[in-house]
């Protein structure tokens, strides 16, 4: 018995150490990526100029560009990446499917439809955009949940219904743009997914929602770990499966709505980041969820830096760049799962 315990501790220790190293490394990389993003652009700055622009309130060019333009954009990119990655990680845990993502099952589209409606039809209520995006995502999630209910829900039914709802929402979005074609031009960059032109106003719009939702996601870890044992085991442990699943889907919806409200329809972050980290550090959500938040923030900040710098003088929306990266990765994941099923 003692020999078994020693062997288990030897196996667990390296993985725990690796998880800690990954989380710390991603934290450092995120800080470095944010700093580099502040330095790089049509006008480049040195590290000392960035430092001065952030912490000295003079009226220099560096101060105006870094503090008023780049810093809020970097912060929003980080928040958007964190929200999307955590949302995807939660959905994948609930669905027990690494292909689950708020964009794929229609939650992001629901948020996008509500936000687009505000921007096109009710522009005077633009300050309520984050709330509208969350309500749109929540209504979509409730519809998906209702249609997938059959004496309870199952991950497979939720995904299938979500894909169908996603198609319906896409049709509504197209109809809206056709009916108000004269107002669509200003919304197109948002639909492509991007954080160009955001500032402190948008940051103040989402920061309280984002902090609340990300803190709340820490309480989701226990629910996900129990649900991953399977519905029958969770029920035997006295856990309310349906209540937990509903709470997690609503939380994932809130996170996706926050991101969509300022960044538009950015896809694949919630799919790619948790999946890569699951390969690196395993499926323990005590580590996977914080690492996903850091990895999502890192990915969006890096992608936005490349999108606005590599194609100068054209600024490519970050959603387009992430689609170029995420699409092939998604196909790779499907191919890999098909091969694993074939081998079995």
Foldseek 3Di string as FASTA:
>chain_A
DVVVVVVVCVVVVVLVVLLVVLLVVLVVLLVVLLQVLLQDFPHGDDSVLLVCLVPPPDPDPSVCCRAWFRNQLLVLLLLLQLLQQLLLLLLCLLQVHLQDGCLQLQLLLQLQLQLVCCVQPPVVVLLCSLVSSLVSSLVLQVVLLVQQDDVAHHSVSSNVSSNVVNVVSVVVVVVVCVVRVVRCPVCVLLQLWAQHPDGVSLCVSQVVLSVVLLVVSLVLLVLSVLCNVDPVSSVVVVHDNRVSSSVSSSSSSSSSSSSSSRTNDQDQSNNPQLVVVCVSNNSRCVSSSSSSSSSRSSVSSNLQSCQRRVPPPDRHGSSVVVCVVRVVVSVVVVVVVVVVVVVD
